[in-house]
Amino acid sequence: MVWGGVAAETIQLNEDTLWTGAPGNYTDPDAPKALAQVRNLVHEAQFVQATQASAGLFGGPTQVYQPLGDIKLQFDGSHFNYGAYSRELDLDTATARVQYTVGGVEFRREHFASNPDQIIATSISASSPGSVSFTVSLDCALPDHRVHINNDHKNQIVLIGSCSGQQPGSTGIQFAAVLELEISAGNGVVSRLDDDGNGLRVEGADWAVLLLSASSSFQGPFTNPANSTRNPTSLALLAFQEVAKLSYSDLWSRHVDDYQSLFRRVLLQLWTGAAAEADDRAVAVRTTAEDQDPAFVELLFQFGRYLLISSSRPGTQVSNLQGIWNPDVKPAWDCAPHLNINLEMNYWPSLPCNLRECQEPLFDHIQALSISGSQTAKVNYEASGWVVHHVSDLWAKSSAYERDARWAIWPMGGAWLCTHLWEYYTYTMDKDFLQKTAYPLLKGCASFLVDWLIKGPQGYLETNPSTSPEHVFVAPDGKQASVSYSSTMDMAIIKEIFSALVSAAEVVKLLSCCRHDSLWFCI
């Protein structure tokens, strides 16, 4: 995240596996007793009491997504007197730029994050030789960290640290970031900062390039950080070996080629009136307001695609609430994936906007949730299949949240996520994906839903307890409650899952027809 300062600049960093905690126990053997109590209260139309009693189904908080740190750039006092300032994010190349002039010299900074090379790159240049002078350092807001200059590479700054563990004193995720500095040949000098020795000073260069790599000890949602075999520092340094022979231009070209292979798949052009009718590619926009700007809608559309491409690729973590642009140690809502609309919303554009690859982290996350969620279903609800509630985290938390039934009592999170599985198949017709990934997950999800549905007093199958996420209603006694039965959202999602499973089963049944010894048989 590039803040765009002039005399002082901050480049805020995230690494998507930096979370507090460790794998947890998402079961509660006392939950079935609480569930029976809540259901009885609902059947007696005592909704306020049912809402209060549902606290017995709470499962505790999620862990918290953490920022990696900051690259700090400091320029001399002359940069306070700047002009001709401009700042941009080029959506076509996923490149951020800052330009300004000082004393007739034009300064230019360029930033990009490369997926193919797993490097964040910054270029600093000036229109006049020998004009690039600044200091650079790494900083981190997490308490357990230290910064030093690499003794084996005097132009490398190394940040190492640890996230908070599950309990005070326990081992959390370890992390490392390495910043490498390169300057123009001939002009310029690099030295170590005198005050703390953990930063570098550049004097009189024509240009400078900063490359940053980062890694963590995270080894999957079911491996305790204390048992990880990953060495974050070694992994971060390895990235520089991979790009040692690549120039900045090479890195940028590889980044752009990779990014544009996704971004340039879709073009949206909007015009108004006669201009729209003259172009077959256009979508006509009818408006009477003179201040409407169709180009702004185009920009917002492509900005959404840029965000998904940038935050969700094969092998990354799922796109969380604020994404990889979180600056806070205590972020709002823990910066966690919220399953009662936010996570689904992040991925709704992936298929209609031709970004199918960007959904892979979502499917990986669903697979992990189904593992922890099967234990939650079995112990907490005495049900088969698997269940997830309204919020999760890096460790595939599947139990309910805490504090308030309005959001916590909602065991439909996994089911809503599973609608993405069938939708992916309908877009791609990928039968291998349907048979090996989507169908088993849909079947497990539906198995829980079948057990979750109970016969109500009027003879209909119902969900109980049920909430309409984050909403309350006025109970018959005039007080506010949130727990009742068979909310519209519950029933709509269940209907969609059952329908998808039936359709998927028909396809899978056909796929199970095999030819052997000139005979056809079906499994």
Protein backbone atom coordinates (compact mmCIF):
# COMPACT_ATOMS: atom_id res chain seq x y z
CA MET A 1 0.00 0.00 0.00
CA VAL A 2 1.71 3.16 -1.28
CA TRP A 3 0.88 6.27 0.75
CA GLY A 4 2.28 8.75 -1.77
CA GLY A 5 4.29 11.02 0.52
CA VAL A 6 7.05 13.24 -0.87
CA ALA A 7 9.67 14.08 1.76
CA ALA A 8 8.64 10.98 3.72
CA GLU A 9 7.09 7.93 2.09
CA THR A 10 5.61 4.77 3.60
CA ILE A 11 5.11 1.56 1.67
CA GLN A 12 2.92 -0.56 3.92
CA LEU A 13 3.41 -4.31 3.62
CA ASN A 14 1.24 -7.41 4.09
CA GLU A 15 2.06 -11.13 3.85
CA ASP A 16 -1.19 -13.05 3.63
CA THR A 17 -0.25 -15.85 6.06
CA LEU A 18 0.52 -13.56 9.00
CA TRP A 19 -2.13 -14.33 11.61
CA THR A 20 -2.15 -14.70 15.35
CA GLY A 21 -2.78 -18.04 17.00
CA ALA A 22 -2.58 -21.66 15.94
CA PRO A 23 -4.98 -24.46 14.98
CA GLY A 24 -7.83 -24.57 17.50
CA ASN A 25 -10.41 -26.95 18.88
CA TYR A 26 -13.73 -25.96 17.32
CA THR A 27 -15.93 -28.39 19.23
CA ASP A 28 -17.99 -28.14 22.41
CA PRO A 29 -19.47 -31.30 23.97
CA ASP A 30 -21.93 -29.16 25.95
CA ALA A 31 -23.41 -27.63 22.79
CA PRO A 32 -26.07 -30.33 22.16
CA LYS A 33 -27.68 -29.61 25.54
CA ALA A 34 -27.76 -25.89 24.77
CA LEU A 35 -29.15 -26.61 21.32
CA ALA A 36 -32.06 -28.61 22.73
CA GLN A 37 -32.88 -25.78 25.14
CA VAL A 38 -32.85 -23.15 22.39
CA ARG A 39 -35.06 -25.26 20.14
CA ASN A 40 -37.63 -25.79 22.86
CA LEU A 41 -37.77 -22.06 23.59
CA VAL A 42 -38.26 -21.28 19.90
CA HIS A 43 -41.09 -23.81 19.65
CA GLU A 44 -42.71 -22.09 22.62
CA ALA A 45 -42.36 -18.73 20.80
CA GLN A 46 -40.09 -17.45 23.59
CA PHE A 47 -37.75 -15.78 21.11
CA VAL A 48 -36.08 -13.37 23.52
CA GLN A 49 -35.22 -16.21 25.90
CA ALA A 50 -34.06 -18.35 22.95
CA THR A 51 -31.76 -15.53 21.83
CA GLN A 52 -30.27 -15.34 25.31
CA ALA A 53 -29.92 -19.11 25.67
CA SER A 54 -28.12 -19.37 22.33
CA ALA A 55 -24.99 -18.08 24.09
CA GLY A 56 -24.48 -21.73 24.99
CA LEU A 57 -23.69 -22.33 21.31
CA PHE A 58 -21.02 -19.63 21.02
CA GLY A 59 -17.58 -20.85 20.04
CA GLY A 60 -15.17 -17.99 20.76
CA PRO A 61 -13.36 -15.39 18.65
CA THR A 62 -11.34 -15.82 15.49
CA GLN A 63 -7.63 -15.16 15.28
CA VAL A 64 -6.44 -11.84 13.83
CA TYR A 65 -4.77 -10.96 10.53
CA GLN A 66 -1.56 -8.97 11.06
CA PRO A 67 0.41 -6.42 9.01
CA LEU A 68 3.98 -7.32 8.03
CA GLY A 69 5.58 -3.89 8.36
CA ASP A 70 6.62 -0.75 6.50
CA ILE A 71 9.30 0.38 4.12
CA LYS A 72 10.23 3.89 5.27
CA LEU A 73 11.77 6.34 2.79
CA GLN A 74 13.11 9.69 3.96
CA PHE A 75 14.27 12.42 1.57
CA ASP A 76 16.15 15.63 2.41
CA GLY A 77 14.49 18.89 3.37
CA SER A 78 14.39 20.24 -0.17
CA HIS A 79 11.58 17.77 -0.92
CA PHE A 80 9.21 19.76 1.27
CA ASN A 81 9.20 22.41 -1.48
CA TYR A 82 7.80 20.35 -4.32
CA GLY A 83 5.49 21.03 -7.25
CA ALA A 84 3.73 19.34 -10.19
CA TYR A 85 2.72 16.45 -7.93
CA SER A 86 0.84 13.55 -9.48
CA ARG A 87 -0.07 10.13 -8.21
CA GLU A 88 -1.70 7.22 -10.06
CA LEU A 89 -2.57 3.56 -9.98
CA ASP A 90 -2.40 2.21 -13.52
CA LEU A 91 -5.01 -0.56 -13.57
CA ASP A 92 -3.81 -1.87 -16.93
CA THR A 93 -0.33 -2.68 -15.59
CA ALA A 94 -1.00 -2.88 -11.82
CA THR A 95 1.66 -0.23 -11.25
CA ALA A 96 1.55 2.68 -8.80
CA ARG A 97 3.44 5.86 -9.61
CA VAL A 98 4.29 9.12 -7.82
CA GLN A 99 5.86 12.07 -9.65
CA TYR A 100 6.82 15.59 -8.55
CA THR A 101 9.44 18.25 -9.17
CA VAL A 102 11.95 19.86 -6.81
CA GLY A 103 14.12 22.77 -8.04
CA GLY A 104 13.49 21.95 -11.68
CA VAL A 105 14.33 18.24 -11.24
CA GLU A 106 11.58 15.71 -11.89
CA PHE A 107 11.46 12.78 -9.48
CA ARG A 108 9.62 9.58 -10.27
CA ARG A 109 8.78 6.55 -8.12
CA GLU A 110 7.25 3.38 -9.46
CA HIS A 111 5.92 0.40 -7.46
CA PHE A 112 4.57 -3.03 -8.36
CA ALA A 113 4.07 -6.42 -6.69
CA SER A 114 5.11 -9.30 -8.96
CA ASN A 115 3.16 -12.55 -8.77
CA PRO A 116 5.53 -14.62 -10.94
CA ASP A 117 8.63 -13.56 -8.99
CA GLN A 118 7.04 -12.96 -5.56
CA ILE A 119 8.85 -9.63 -5.25
CA ILE A 120 7.67 -6.12 -4.42
CA ALA A 121 9.70 -3.67 -6.49
CA THR A 122 10.21 0.09 -6.21
CA SER A 123 12.15 2.25 -8.64
CA ILE A 124 13.30 5.76 -7.69
CA SER A 125 14.75 7.99 -10.41
CA ALA A 126 15.36 11.64 -11.30
CA SER A 127 15.68 13.65 -14.51
CA SER A 128 19.08 15.03 -13.47
CA PRO A 129 22.07 12.70 -12.81
CA GLY A 130 23.19 12.32 -9.22
CA SER A 131 19.95 13.71 -7.76
CA VAL A 132 18.66 10.61 -5.97
CA SER A 133 19.46 10.75 -2.25
CA PHE A 134 17.39 9.20 0.55
CA THR A 135 17.41 6.82 3.50
CA VAL A 136 15.53 3.54 3.64
CA SER A 137 14.61 1.35 6.59
CA LEU A 138 12.19 -1.39 7.60
CA ASP A 139 9.79 -1.04 10.50
CA CYS A 140 7.20 -3.32 12.09
CA ALA A 141 4.28 -2.63 14.44
CA LEU A 142 4.33 -6.12 15.97
CA PRO A 143 6.14 -6.16 19.33
CA ASP A 144 8.25 -9.27 18.69
CA HIS A 145 10.59 -8.26 15.87
CA ARG A 146 14.09 -7.06 15.09
CA VAL A 147 15.82 -5.48 12.10
CA HIS A 148 19.45 -5.84 11.01
CA ILE A 149 21.73 -5.47 8.01
CA ASN A 150 22.60 -8.80 6.40
CA ASN A 151 26.27 -9.48 7.20
CA ASP A 152 26.61 -11.46 3.95
CA HIS A 153 25.05 -8.72 1.80
CA LYS A 154 25.64 -5.15 2.99
CA ASN A 155 22.83 -3.80 0.80
CA GLN A 156 20.16 -6.02 2.39
CA ILE A 157 17.98 -5.11 5.38
CA VAL A 158 16.41 -8.09 7.17
CA LEU A 159 13.28 -7.95 9.32
CA ILE A 160 12.41 -11.03 11.38
CA GLY A 161 9.62 -11.47 13.89
CA SER A 162 6.79 -13.51 15.33
CA CYS A 163 3.02 -13.19 15.58
CA SER A 164 1.26 -13.83 18.87
CA GLY A 165 0.64 -17.50 19.63
CA GLN A 166 -2.51 -19.24 20.79
CA GLN A 167 -1.61 -18.63 24.44
CA PRO A 168 0.78 -16.13 26.07
CA GLY A 169 4.29 -17.48 25.63
CA SER A 170 3.34 -20.03 22.96
CA THR A 171 4.93 -20.11 19.52
CA GLY A 172 3.18 -18.12 16.83
CA ILE A 173 3.83 -17.79 13.11
CA GLN A 174 7.40 -16.67 12.42
CA PHE A 175 8.07 -14.30 9.54
CA ALA A 176 10.86 -12.56 7.67
CA ALA A 177 11.19 -9.80 5.10
CA VAL A 178 14.33 -8.94 3.18
CA LEU A 179 14.81 -5.59 1.44
CA GLU A 180 17.60 -5.35 -1.14
CA LEU A 181 18.93 -2.04 -2.47
CA GLU A 182 20.57 -1.52 -5.84
CA ILE A 183 21.78 1.83 -7.24
CA SER A 184 23.16 3.14 -10.52
CA ALA A 185 26.70 2.17 -11.46
CA GLY A 186 29.18 5.03 -11.40
CA ASN A 187 27.10 7.61 -9.55
CA GLY A 188 26.02 7.16 -5.96
CA VAL A 189 27.16 5.81 -2.62
CA VAL A 190 25.38 3.47 -0.18
CA SER A 191 26.21 3.54 3.51
CA ARG A 192 24.74 2.27 6.75
CA LEU A 193 22.75 4.73 8.85
CA ASP A 194 24.70 5.98 11.86
CA ASP A 195 21.85 6.24 14.37
CA ASP A 196 20.71 2.62 14.59
CA GLY A 197 22.73 0.85 11.93
CA ASN A 198 19.61 -0.88 10.65
CA GLY A 199 18.89 1.33 7.66
CA LEU A 200 20.72 2.41 4.53
CA ARG A 201 21.55 5.82 3.09
CA VAL A 202 21.84 6.58 -0.65
CA GLU A 203 23.76 9.68 -1.77
CA GLY A 204 24.03 11.14 -5.28
CA ALA A 205 22.67 8.23 -7.35
CA ASP A 206 21.03 8.46 -10.76
CA TRP A 207 18.48 5.83 -9.76
CA ALA A 208 17.78 3.24 -7.10
CA VAL A 209 15.77 0.01 -7.05
CA LEU A 210 14.32 -1.58 -3.92
CA LEU A 211 13.28 -5.23 -3.99
CA LEU A 212 11.42 -6.85 -1.11
CA SER A 213 10.66 -10.50 -0.47
CA ALA A 214 8.81 -11.94 2.51
CA SER A 215 7.80 -15.33 3.86
CA SER A 216 6.43 -17.02 6.97
CA SER A 217 6.53 -20.34 8.80
CA PHE A 218 2.86 -21.08 8.04
CA GLN A 219 2.64 -24.69 6.85
CA GLY A 220 -1.10 -25.15 6.50
CA PRO A 221 -4.19 -24.62 8.66
CA PHE A 222 -3.69 -27.83 10.63
CA THR A 223 0.02 -27.51 11.46
CA ASN A 224 0.92 -25.79 14.72
CA PRO A 225 3.52 -23.06 14.18
CA ALA A 226 5.68 -24.75 16.83
CA ASN A 227 5.93 -27.79 14.52
CA SER A 228 6.63 -25.93 11.28
CA THR A 229 9.75 -26.88 9.32
CA ARG A 230 9.72 -23.73 7.20
CA ASN A 231 12.53 -21.20 7.66
CA PRO A 232 11.09 -17.78 6.70
CA THR A 233 14.46 -16.03 6.37
CA SER A 234 15.88 -18.70 4.07
CA LEU A 235 12.73 -18.65 1.96
CA ALA A 236 12.77 -14.84 1.67
CA LEU A 237 16.44 -14.87 0.63
CA LEU A 238 15.78 -17.64 -1.89
CA ALA A 239 13.56 -15.29 -3.90
CA PHE A 240 16.57 -13.07 -4.61
CA GLN A 241 18.53 -16.02 -6.00
CA GLU A 242 15.67 -16.65 -8.40
CA VAL A 243 15.68 -13.06 -9.75
CA ALA A 244 19.41 -12.33 -9.50
CA LYS A 245 19.85 -12.20 -13.28
CA LEU A 246 16.74 -10.13 -13.95
CA SER A 247 16.88 -6.36 -14.35
CA TYR A 248 14.15 -4.08 -13.03
CA SER A 249 12.76 -3.86 -16.57
CA ASP A 250 12.73 -7.66 -16.79
CA LEU A 251 10.86 -7.91 -13.49
CA TRP A 252 8.32 -5.32 -14.58
CA SER A 253 7.75 -7.00 -17.95
CA ARG A 254 7.21 -10.39 -16.32
CA HIS A 255 4.82 -8.82 -13.83
CA VAL A 256 2.83 -7.06 -16.54
CA ASP A 257 2.65 -10.13 -18.79
CA ASP A 258 1.33 -12.21 -15.90
CA TYR A 259 -1.16 -9.58 -14.74
CA GLN A 260 -2.47 -8.64 -18.18
CA SER A 261 -3.08 -12.30 -19.04
CA LEU A 262 -5.97 -11.95 -16.59
CA PHE A 263 -6.84 -8.28 -16.61
CA ARG A 264 -7.13 -7.84 -20.38
CA ARG A 265 -9.64 -10.64 -20.78
CA VAL A 266 -12.52 -8.21 -20.22
CA LEU A 267 -13.20 -4.79 -21.69
CA LEU A 268 -16.14 -2.69 -20.52
CA GLN A 269 -17.01 0.46 -22.46
CA LEU A 270 -20.01 2.60 -21.60
CA TRP A 271 -21.35 5.54 -23.54
CA THR A 272 -24.48 7.62 -23.42
CA GLY A 273 -27.00 8.34 -26.13
CA ALA A 274 -26.06 8.27 -29.82
CA ALA A 275 -22.44 7.34 -29.16
CA ALA A 276 -23.56 4.06 -27.61
CA GLU A 277 -25.82 3.21 -30.53
CA ALA A 278 -22.93 3.70 -32.96
CA ASP A 279 -20.71 1.02 -31.40
CA ASP A 280 -21.67 -2.64 -31.23
CA ARG A 281 -19.37 -3.20 -28.24
CA ALA A 282 -21.02 -0.56 -26.07
CA VAL A 283 -23.61 -0.90 -23.38
CA ALA A 284 -25.99 2.03 -23.66
CA VAL A 285 -26.43 4.12 -20.54
CA ARG A 286 -29.64 6.15 -20.38
CA THR A 287 -29.52 9.10 -18.03
CA THR A 288 -30.92 12.60 -17.80
CA ALA A 289 -28.37 13.84 -15.27
CA GLU A 290 -25.66 15.98 -16.84
CA ASP A 291 -23.08 15.04 -14.20
CA GLN A 292 -23.21 11.27 -14.84
CA ASP A 293 -19.85 9.87 -15.94
CA PRO A 294 -20.01 6.36 -17.52
CA ALA A 295 -16.20 6.23 -17.52
CA PHE A 296 -16.28 6.31 -13.73
CA VAL A 297 -18.44 3.16 -13.76
CA GLU A 298 -15.93 1.52 -16.10
CA LEU A 299 -13.13 2.48 -13.72
CA LEU A 300 -14.92 1.07 -10.68
CA PHE A 301 -15.67 -2.17 -12.53
CA GLN A 302 -12.02 -2.68 -13.51
CA PHE A 303 -10.79 -1.60 -10.08
CA GLY A 304 -12.79 -4.48 -8.59
CA ARG A 305 -11.14 -6.90 -11.02
CA TYR A 306 -7.73 -5.45 -10.15
CA LEU A 307 -8.36 -6.03 -6.43
CA LEU A 308 -9.32 -9.68 -6.94
CA ILE A 309 -6.39 -10.37 -9.28
CA SER A 310 -4.03 -8.75 -6.79
CA SER A 311 -5.28 -10.53 -3.68
CA SER A 312 -6.32 -14.02 -4.80
CA ARG A 313 -4.16 -16.23 -7.00
CA PRO A 314 -3.50 -19.98 -7.03
CA GLY A 315 -1.45 -20.75 -3.93
CA THR A 316 -2.40 -17.62 -1.95
CA GLN A 317 -4.70 -17.42 1.02
CA VAL A 318 -8.35 -16.58 0.50
CA SER A 319 -9.14 -12.89 0.07
CA ASN A 320 -9.99 -11.69 3.57
CA LEU A 321 -12.11 -8.78 4.75
CA GLN A 322 -9.81 -5.82 4.07
CA GLY A 323 -7.58 -7.88 1.83
CA ILE A 324 -3.79 -7.54 1.66
CA TRP A 325 -4.01 -3.80 2.35
CA ASN A 326 -4.44 -4.02 6.13
CA PRO A 327 -2.27 -1.54 8.12
CA ASP A 328 -3.57 -2.38 11.62
CA VAL A 329 -2.43 -4.74 14.36
CA LYS A 330 -6.00 -4.66 15.68
CA PRO A 331 -7.99 -4.40 12.44
CA ALA A 332 -11.73 -3.95 12.30
CA TRP A 333 -13.56 -7.30 12.47
CA ASP A 334 -10.14 -9.00 12.82
CA CYS A 335 -9.71 -8.60 9.04
CA ALA A 336 -11.11 -12.14 8.88
CA PRO A 337 -13.12 -13.83 6.10
CA HIS A 338 -16.79 -13.21 6.94
CA LEU A 339 -19.01 -15.86 5.43
CA ASN A 340 -22.37 -14.16 5.89
CA ILE A 341 -21.76 -12.08 2.76
CA ASN A 342 -18.28 -10.53 2.59
CA LEU A 343 -16.29 -13.55 1.44
CA GLU A 344 -18.92 -14.52 -1.11
CA MET A 345 -19.07 -10.94 -2.34
CA ASN A 346 -15.29 -10.88 -2.86
CA TYR A 347 -15.61 -13.77 -5.29
CA TRP A 348 -18.90 -13.05 -7.06
CA PRO A 349 -17.07 -11.17 -9.85
CA SER A 350 -14.58 -13.96 -10.54
CA LEU A 351 -16.62 -15.94 -13.07
CA PRO A 352 -18.67 -13.24 -14.87
CA CYS A 353 -15.46 -11.17 -15.05
CA ASN A 354 -13.46 -14.08 -16.52
CA LEU A 355 -11.11 -14.62 -13.56
CA ARG A 356 -11.75 -18.28 -12.84
CA GLU A 357 -8.20 -18.91 -11.59
CA CYS A 358 -8.69 -16.35 -8.85
CA GLN A 359 -11.27 -18.64 -7.22
CA GLU A 360 -8.78 -21.39 -6.43
CA PRO A 361 -7.88 -20.02 -2.97
CA LEU A 362 -11.60 -19.99 -2.12
CA PHE A 363 -11.91 -23.67 -2.99
CA ASP A 364 -8.79 -24.47 -0.96
CA HIS A 365 -10.34 -22.63 1.99
CA ILE A 366 -13.65 -24.49 1.64
CA GLN A 367 -11.75 -27.78 1.61
CA ALA A 368 -9.99 -26.87 4.86
CA LEU A 369 -13.26 -25.70 6.43
CA SER A 370 -14.90 -29.02 5.59
CA ILE A 371 -12.26 -30.83 7.64
CA SER A 372 -12.58 -28.78 10.80
CA GLY A 373 -16.31 -28.33 10.16
CA SER A 374 -16.94 -32.08 10.19
CA GLN A 375 -15.81 -32.22 13.81
CA THR A 376 -17.97 -29.21 14.72
CA ALA A 377 -21.00 -30.85 13.09
CA LYS A 378 -20.40 -34.16 14.83
CA VAL A 379 -19.72 -32.85 18.36
CA ASN A 380 -21.71 -29.62 18.59
CA TYR A 381 -24.78 -30.65 16.61
CA GLU A 382 -24.61 -34.47 16.55
CA ALA A 383 -24.91 -34.23 12.79
CA SER A 384 -23.15 -35.72 9.79
CA GLY A 385 -21.37 -33.75 7.08
CA TRP A 386 -19.68 -30.46 7.86
CA VAL A 387 -20.70 -27.00 9.05
CA VAL A 388 -19.20 -23.50 9.22
CA HIS A 389 -20.64 -20.35 10.74
CA HIS A 390 -20.37 -16.67 9.87
CA VAL A 391 -16.63 -16.05 10.24
CA SER A 392 -13.41 -18.03 9.87
CA ASP A 393 -9.67 -17.41 9.84
CA LEU A 394 -6.33 -18.80 8.63
CA TRP A 395 -6.82 -21.85 10.86
CA ALA A 396 -10.17 -22.83 9.29
CA LYS A 397 -12.25 -21.97 12.35
CA SER A 398 -15.64 -23.65 11.92
CA SER A 399 -17.46 -23.07 15.22
CA ALA A 400 -19.77 -20.16 15.99
CA TYR A 401 -18.40 -16.76 16.96
CA GLU A 402 -19.20 -15.06 20.27
CA ARG A 403 -20.92 -12.08 21.94
CA ASP A 404 -24.15 -11.78 19.95
CA ALA A 405 -26.55 -14.28 18.39
CA ARG A 406 -27.32 -11.84 15.56
CA TRP A 407 -24.19 -12.95 13.78
CA ALA A 408 -22.90 -15.94 15.76
CA ILE A 409 -25.90 -18.27 15.42
CA TRP A 410 -25.76 -18.87 11.69
CA PRO A 411 -24.57 -22.34 10.62
CA MET A 412 -25.11 -21.55 6.94
CA GLY A 413 -21.65 -20.17 6.12
CA GLY A 414 -20.36 -23.36 4.55
CA ALA A 415 -23.57 -23.83 2.58
CA TRP A 416 -23.45 -20.37 1.06
CA LEU A 417 -19.81 -20.88 0.11
CA CYS A 418 -20.72 -24.15 -1.59
CA THR A 419 -22.94 -22.33 -4.08
CA HIS A 420 -19.66 -21.12 -5.63
CA LEU A 421 -18.67 -24.72 -6.35
CA TRP A 422 -21.69 -25.47 -8.52
CA GLU A 423 -21.54 -22.06 -10.18
CA TYR A 424 -17.91 -22.72 -11.12
CA TYR A 425 -18.96 -25.93 -12.83
CA THR A 426 -21.83 -24.26 -14.72
CA TYR A 427 -19.39 -21.65 -16.08
CA THR A 428 -16.48 -23.95 -16.89
CA MET A 429 -18.11 -27.38 -17.39
CA ASP A 430 -15.00 -28.77 -15.72
CA LYS A 431 -16.15 -32.31 -14.98
CA ASP A 432 -12.93 -33.27 -13.23
CA PHE A 433 -13.41 -30.38 -10.79
CA LEU A 434 -17.04 -31.39 -10.25
CA GLN A 435 -16.25 -35.01 -9.54
CA LYS A 436 -13.13 -34.60 -7.38
CA THR A 437 -13.75 -31.28 -5.60
CA ALA A 438 -17.24 -29.84 -5.87
CA TYR A 439 -19.39 -32.94 -5.51
CA PRO A 440 -17.76 -34.32 -2.32
CA LEU A 441 -17.96 -30.88 -0.67
CA LEU A 442 -21.58 -30.35 -1.75
CA LYS A 443 -22.51 -33.81 -0.53
CA GLY A 444 -20.94 -33.21 2.90
CA CYS A 445 -22.61 -29.83 3.17
CA ALA A 446 -26.01 -31.27 2.22
CA SER A 447 -25.59 -34.12 4.70
CA PHE A 448 -25.31 -31.60 7.51
CA LEU A 449 -28.31 -29.64 6.25
CA VAL A 450 -30.46 -32.79 6.15
CA ASP A 451 -29.61 -33.46 9.79
CA TRP A 452 -30.00 -29.79 10.74
CA LEU A 453 -33.57 -29.66 9.45
CA ILE A 454 -36.07 -30.81 12.07
CA LYS A 455 -39.83 -31.28 11.97
CA GLY A 456 -41.54 -28.29 13.54
CA PRO A 457 -44.85 -28.13 15.44
CA GLN A 458 -46.77 -27.60 12.18
CA GLY A 459 -45.21 -30.63 10.49
CA TYR A 460 -42.83 -28.72 8.20
CA LEU A 461 -39.07 -29.21 8.13
CA GLU A 462 -37.46 -26.15 9.65
CA THR A 463 -34.12 -24.72 10.71
CA ASN A 464 -34.04 -24.03 14.44
CA PRO A 465 -32.34 -21.96 15.72
CA SER A 466 -32.32 -19.57 12.79
CA THR A 467 -31.27 -15.96 12.29
CA SER A 468 -31.37 -13.50 9.44
CA PRO A 469 -27.70 -12.47 9.58
CA GLU A 470 -27.04 -9.44 11.76
CA HIS A 471 -30.74 -8.55 12.03
CA VAL A 472 -33.18 -8.38 14.92
CA PHE A 473 -36.98 -8.46 15.04
CA VAL A 474 -39.63 -7.41 17.52
CA ALA A 475 -40.89 -10.46 19.40
CA PRO A 476 -44.58 -10.84 20.46
CA ASP A 477 -43.71 -9.41 23.89
CA GLY A 478 -42.44 -6.20 22.25
CA LYS A 479 -38.76 -6.89 22.96
CA GLN A 480 -36.00 -7.35 20.39
CA ALA A 481 -34.80 -10.84 19.53
CA SER A 482 -32.73 -12.40 16.75
CA VAL A 483 -33.28 -16.15 17.10
CA SER A 484 -36.38 -17.82 15.63
CA TYR A 485 -36.87 -20.52 12.99
CA SER A 486 -36.61 -20.93 9.20
CA SER A 487 -35.40 -17.50 8.14
CA THR A 488 -35.85 -16.84 4.43
CA MET A 489 -32.09 -16.79 3.97
CA ASP A 490 -31.69 -20.24 5.54
CA MET A 491 -34.37 -21.80 3.38
CA ALA A 492 -33.18 -20.12 0.17
CA ILE A 493 -29.60 -21.33 0.65
CA ILE A 494 -30.72 -24.86 1.57
CA LYS A 495 -32.94 -25.03 -1.51
CA GLU A 496 -30.07 -23.89 -3.70
CA ILE A 497 -27.66 -26.45 -2.22
CA PHE A 498 -30.11 -29.33 -2.54
CA SER A 499 -30.86 -28.34 -6.13
CA ALA A 500 -27.14 -28.07 -6.97
CA LEU A 501 -26.43 -31.45 -5.37
CA VAL A 502 -29.17 -33.18 -7.36
CA SER A 503 -27.86 -31.65 -10.60
CA ALA A 504 -24.27 -32.49 -9.71
CA ALA A 505 -25.21 -36.06 -8.83
CA GLU A 506 -26.74 -36.54 -12.27
CA VAL A 507 -23.49 -35.43 -13.93
CA VAL A 508 -21.29 -37.46 -11.59
CA LYS A 509 -23.45 -40.53 -12.19
CA LEU A 510 -22.82 -40.22 -15.91
CA LEU A 511 -19.11 -39.69 -15.30
CA SER A 512 -19.03 -42.89 -13.27
CA CYS A 513 -19.98 -44.88 -16.37
CA CYS A 514 -16.76 -46.56 -17.46
CA ARG A 515 -15.80 -48.79 -20.37
CA HIS A 516 -13.99 -52.02 -19.55
CA ASP A 517 -13.38 -55.02 -21.83
CA SER A 518 -15.73 -53.59 -24.46
CA LEU A 519 -18.55 -53.44 -21.89
CA TRP A 520 -20.15 -50.37 -20.30
CA PHE A 521 -20.97 -50.43 -16.65
CA CYS A 522 -22.06 -47.79 -14.15
CA ILE A 523 -20.94 -47.36 -10.55
